Protein backbone atom coordinates (compact mmCIF):
# COMPACT_ATOMS: atom_id res chain seq x y z
CA MET A 1 29.03 -39.12 32.51
CA VAL A 2 32.97 -38.68 33.75
CA LYS A 3 34.35 -35.32 32.92
CA ASN A 4 37.07 -37.47 31.73
CA LYS A 5 34.95 -38.76 28.78
CA ARG A 6 33.50 -35.73 27.90
CA ASN A 7 36.50 -33.78 27.13
CA GLN A 8 37.68 -37.00 25.67
CA ILE A 9 35.04 -36.76 23.16
CA LEU A 10 35.43 -33.16 22.45
CA GLU A 11 38.95 -33.42 21.53
CA ALA A 12 38.10 -35.82 19.08
CA ALA A 13 35.05 -34.02 17.65
CA SER A 14 37.77 -30.65 17.07
CA ARG A 15 39.97 -33.01 15.50
CA SER A 16 37.19 -34.88 13.16
CA PHE A 17 35.68 -31.21 12.12
CA SER A 18 39.18 -29.85 11.82
CA LEU A 19 39.82 -32.19 9.20
CA PHE A 20 36.73 -33.15 7.83
CA GLY A 21 34.06 -29.76 8.60
CA TYR A 22 31.05 -29.79 10.03
CA LYS A 23 29.34 -31.74 6.84
CA GLY A 24 32.17 -34.20 6.63
CA THR A 25 32.24 -35.25 10.33
CA THR A 26 29.61 -38.29 11.79
CA ILE A 27 28.93 -38.84 15.07
CA ASP A 28 30.39 -41.93 14.54
CA GLN A 29 33.72 -41.09 13.31
CA VAL A 30 33.81 -38.70 16.66
CA ALA A 31 33.11 -42.01 18.45
CA LYS A 32 36.17 -44.25 17.05
CA MET A 33 38.31 -41.02 17.25
CA ALA A 34 37.21 -40.89 20.76
CA ASP A 35 37.54 -44.74 21.55
CA VAL A 36 34.63 -44.46 22.53
CA GLY A 37 30.91 -46.15 21.77
CA LYS A 38 28.18 -43.83 19.77
CA GLY A 39 25.88 -44.05 22.74
CA THR A 40 28.57 -42.49 24.52
CA VAL A 41 28.52 -39.74 22.09
CA TYR A 42 24.89 -39.52 22.45
CA THR A 43 24.31 -39.74 26.03
CA ALA A 44 26.58 -36.52 26.21
CA PHE A 45 25.57 -34.76 23.29
CA GLU A 46 21.81 -35.02 22.13
CA ASN A 47 23.05 -34.73 18.23
CA LYS A 48 26.04 -33.35 15.72
CA GLU A 49 24.80 -30.07 16.20
CA TYR A 50 24.95 -30.00 19.76
CA LEU A 51 28.69 -31.05 19.76
CA PHE A 52 29.49 -29.15 17.12
CA HIS A 53 28.09 -26.11 19.15
CA ALA A 54 30.86 -27.60 22.39
CA VAL A 55 33.46 -27.72 20.02
CA LEU A 56 32.93 -24.10 18.57
CA GLN A 57 32.42 -22.98 22.19
CA ARG A 58 35.70 -24.18 23.12
CA VAL A 59 37.17 -22.36 20.34
CA ILE A 60 36.06 -18.80 21.35
CA ASP A 61 37.05 -19.79 24.60
CA GLU A 62 40.29 -20.14 23.26
CA LEU A 63 40.17 -17.07 21.25
CA LYS A 64 39.15 -14.86 24.11
CA ALA A 65 42.44 -16.01 26.12
CA VAL A 66 44.26 -14.93 22.81
CA PHE A 67 42.55 -11.88 23.02
CA ALA A 68 43.54 -11.36 26.96
CA GLU A 69 47.06 -11.94 26.69
CA ALA A 70 47.60 -9.72 23.09
CA ILE A 71 46.15 -6.50 26.06
CA LYS A 72 49.46 -5.24 27.93
CA GLU A 73 49.06 -2.67 30.93
CA ASP A 74 52.29 -0.57 29.42
CA GLN A 75 50.71 -0.05 25.71
CA ASP A 76 48.07 2.60 25.11
CA GLY A 77 44.93 2.07 23.73
CA PHE A 78 45.84 2.21 20.11
CA GLU A 79 48.80 -0.46 20.97
CA ASN A 80 46.42 -2.24 22.54
CA ILE A 81 43.57 -2.45 19.84
CA THR A 82 45.43 -3.25 17.11
CA SER A 83 47.87 -5.88 18.45
CA ALA A 84 44.71 -7.71 20.23
CA LEU A 85 43.19 -6.92 16.31
CA ASP A 86 46.30 -8.69 14.98
CA GLU A 87 46.39 -11.62 17.68
CA LEU A 88 42.86 -12.31 16.75
CA HIS A 89 43.64 -12.55 12.78
CA THR A 90 46.34 -14.40 13.52
CA PHE A 91 44.34 -16.84 15.50
CA LYS A 92 41.42 -16.94 13.18
CA GLU A 93 43.89 -17.94 10.03
CA LYS A 94 46.18 -21.06 12.36
CA HIS A 95 43.23 -22.07 14.21
CA GLN A 96 42.68 -25.69 11.65
CA LEU A 97 38.44 -25.41 13.06
CA VAL A 98 38.27 -22.07 11.75
CA ALA A 99 40.28 -22.70 8.77
CA LYS A 100 38.36 -25.65 7.92
CA LEU A 101 35.08 -24.14 8.24
CA ALA A 102 36.21 -21.10 6.37
CA ASP A 103 37.02 -23.58 3.17
CA GLU A 104 34.03 -25.28 3.88
CA VAL A 105 31.98 -22.09 3.19
CA ARG A 106 34.21 -20.84 0.57
CA VAL A 107 33.84 -24.55 -1.55
CA LEU A 108 30.71 -26.16 -0.36
CA GLY A 109 28.36 -22.81 0.59
CA SER A 110 28.14 -24.54 3.76
CA GLU A 111 25.14 -23.00 6.22
CA SER A 112 26.29 -24.34 9.22
CA ALA A 113 30.19 -23.85 8.73
CA ASN A 114 28.83 -20.37 7.65
CA LYS A 115 26.71 -19.91 11.01
CA ALA A 116 29.80 -21.17 12.69
CA LEU A 117 32.29 -18.64 11.56
CA GLN A 118 29.75 -15.84 12.04
CA GLN A 119 29.82 -16.61 15.71
CA VAL A 120 33.39 -16.60 15.99
CA GLU A 121 33.39 -12.99 14.51
CA TYR A 122 30.70 -11.82 16.49
CA ALA A 123 32.78 -13.28 18.95
CA MET A 124 35.97 -11.20 18.04
CA ILE A 125 33.74 -7.76 17.98
CA ASP A 126 32.82 -8.61 20.92
CA LEU A 127 35.96 -8.96 22.95
CA VAL A 128 36.94 -5.85 20.56
CA LYS A 129 34.04 -3.93 22.13
CA GLN A 130 34.70 -4.50 25.29
CA LEU A 131 38.40 -3.16 24.66
CA LEU A 132 36.59 0.15 24.04
CA ILE A 133 34.24 0.49 26.55
CA LYS A 134 37.10 -0.21 29.02
CA ALA A 135 38.87 2.83 27.61
CA GLU A 136 35.85 4.87 27.72
CA ARG A 137 35.35 4.02 31.32
CA ASN A 138 38.76 5.19 31.96
CA GLY A 139 38.49 8.43 30.22
CA LYS A 140 40.57 7.83 26.99
CA ILE A 141 38.20 7.72 24.34
CA HIS A 142 34.36 8.65 23.31
CA CYS A 143 32.54 6.08 21.64
CA PRO A 144 28.84 6.73 21.82
CA ASN A 145 28.50 3.13 19.82
CA PRO A 146 31.15 0.75 20.79
CA GLN A 147 29.33 -2.15 18.84
CA ALA A 148 29.39 -0.04 15.66
CA THR A 149 33.21 1.13 16.36
CA ALA A 150 34.07 -2.64 17.05
CA PHE A 151 32.84 -3.78 13.92
CA LEU A 152 34.17 -1.13 12.06
CA LEU A 153 37.54 -1.31 13.50
CA TYR A 154 37.09 -4.95 13.10
CA LYS A 155 36.50 -5.04 9.28
CA SER A 156 38.67 -2.67 8.32
CA TYR A 157 41.86 -4.63 10.10
CA LEU A 158 40.43 -7.73 8.13
CA SER A 159 39.93 -5.91 5.29
CA LEU A 160 43.68 -4.16 5.23
CA VAL A 161 45.65 -7.83 6.35
CA THR A 162 43.73 -9.43 4.03
CA GLU A 163 42.41 -8.28 0.23
CA PHE A 164 45.14 -5.05 1.14
CA GLU A 165 48.03 -7.36 1.19
CA GLU A 166 46.75 -9.45 -1.80
CA ASN A 167 46.88 -6.33 -3.75
CA TYR A 168 49.75 -4.50 -2.37
CA ALA A 169 52.61 -5.25 -0.02
CA PRO A 170 51.97 -6.29 3.34
CA LEU A 171 51.53 -3.33 6.23
CA GLU A 172 54.22 -3.70 9.16
CA LYS A 173 52.17 -3.36 12.15
CA GLU A 174 53.71 -0.28 13.30
CA GLU A 175 52.51 0.96 9.72
CA LEU A 176 49.02 -0.52 10.65
CA ILE A 177 49.10 1.40 14.21
CA ASP A 178 49.32 4.56 12.34
CA ILE A 179 47.22 4.21 10.14
CA PHE A 180 44.55 3.33 12.60
CA LYS A 181 45.74 6.29 14.72
CA LEU A 182 45.38 8.71 11.83
CA HIS A 183 42.03 7.64 10.54
CA PHE A 184 40.29 5.91 13.47
CA MET A 185 41.31 6.81 17.03
CA HIS A 186 42.34 10.73 16.47
CA GLY A 187 38.27 10.55 15.84
CA ILE A 188 37.52 8.58 19.45
CA THR A 189 40.01 9.80 21.60
CA LYS A 190 39.28 12.14 24.12
CA ASP A 191 40.79 15.61 23.68
CA GLU A 192 42.89 16.59 26.64
CA ALA A 193 41.46 20.24 27.78
């Protein structure tokens, strides 16, 4: 199959999943949106689940690119971590597919959509973990369990920019950096002796 057709199908599937969610998307819709025959879709992807995973992988690849752009060599580790978390949160909130999946989980309790959101979240946490590992290799922090620390940082950040902001005034980015420095980063920062 021509790579162009596969990309055409993936683009159409991404639009369909973004508009109709996992449950509401059919192979017929995707074929129609891609302007290809249903058989062409099945030639490229075994079934809807395989197609969905391919679309989800594209989202995760986009997420990685957004994360990489947030990391600046001239920023310190605290600023990089909070910048990266901020970009990840913004990506999650603004990406149509991720937002639609969140709605589908909330309204329909869709297990497939929930698993997909978990994959996106795991990718986000893994990106933060890689940043922590790099900072430890560079001698900037001491982090015996980067996976747990990344999980804690990500979940704490998410709570501050969602739940906290629903009940209190939104925090400025500088305030978030200060909170992370005070409550999290000082615990893993290596002492300069």
